[in-house]
Amino acid sequence: MFSEKSSIQYYRVTETSAEAVQGSVIGESRWQLYVNGQSVVTFMATPRNLHFLALGFLASENLIASLAEIGSLRVNHAAERAYWYIPALGLNEERAQAVCEEGVGSIEVRLTHDFKMPAHKILTSGCGGGVTFDDLSREHAPLQSGRTARVAQIFAMMRELNARATLYRESRGVHTSALGDGEKLISLQEDVGRHNTLDKIRGECLMRGVETRDQILIATGRISSEMITKAAKMQVPIVVSRTSPTQLAVELARAWNIAVIGYARGGQMQVYHGIERIIVDEMKSSVTALAQR
């Protein structure tokens, strides 16, 4: 059985002492995604909300366009437990069920139509070897969005993210991402892979019928090109992180009209692109002038 986190004894060591501590480490396990019986991808993921991960990945890679294309989805958690989603039967639950030993650690999706594997797959720098079928050099149309955000709103959402990151507080070693509407977080996910958190967010929004367009993405991990690509596919015009973007992520953000904000912590932030989307009440005219330079 796979666990979200595991208990472990470790030692807290300083120059003058060593103390035994009973703590926990974050869970990481291998999950194979099958679509219509074909092996599509292997995830290294934290075993929480894996149905969201599968749905979000399929949508992000343009392998499905809507939830209506899902005939069934099964996550084989353990030899005696599986999660089922079968919309035609109104089934959306985890249940006791015998799973063959070879099937444990797999996610099985059946579409309502035939499925053909994409011809091209590239590896990216995402934690755990994330993949995308898109060629990152392919152009996406710039986002047409008037979305702005006040600095106070961004800090408030970051504080809410930190408060709700339960796995992080218990074990560390995990990324947290959330989608917010400017006032509150509408989806929050945790995983060892930062790109997995975005797929889980998209999958949850897909299943709940929540619109991702024009929302704000808040994350704890590095903003890589893959993170920006996934944000663009969700039509998210503002991406915020507690840490740094990469050079390619900033270039893509410029091309796709996405604001990129890093190091949003300690009462300040660094806006790498899209300063016109950020409203600083006390100096709004100055920010507007900067954006026009």
Foldseek 3Di string as FASTA:
>chain_A
DWAQKDWDWDWDDDPVDIDIDIAIAGTWDWEWEAEPNHTADIFTKRPDLVLLLVQLQCCLQVVDVAPLFWQKKWAQADQQKIAIDGVVVPGGGIDGDGDDPVCHRYMYTYTPDDGDHQPAKDWDPWPRTDIHRDDLVDADAAQDDPAAAELVLLLVAVVVQVVPPVSCVRHNQKKKKFKAASHYTPDIDIMNTQLSRLSSRSSVCRVVVHQLAAIEMEIADEAESSNLSSCVSSNHQEYEYLAYYDPVSLVNNVSRNHWYWYNSDPPDIDTSDDLVRYAHPVPRVVSVVVNVD
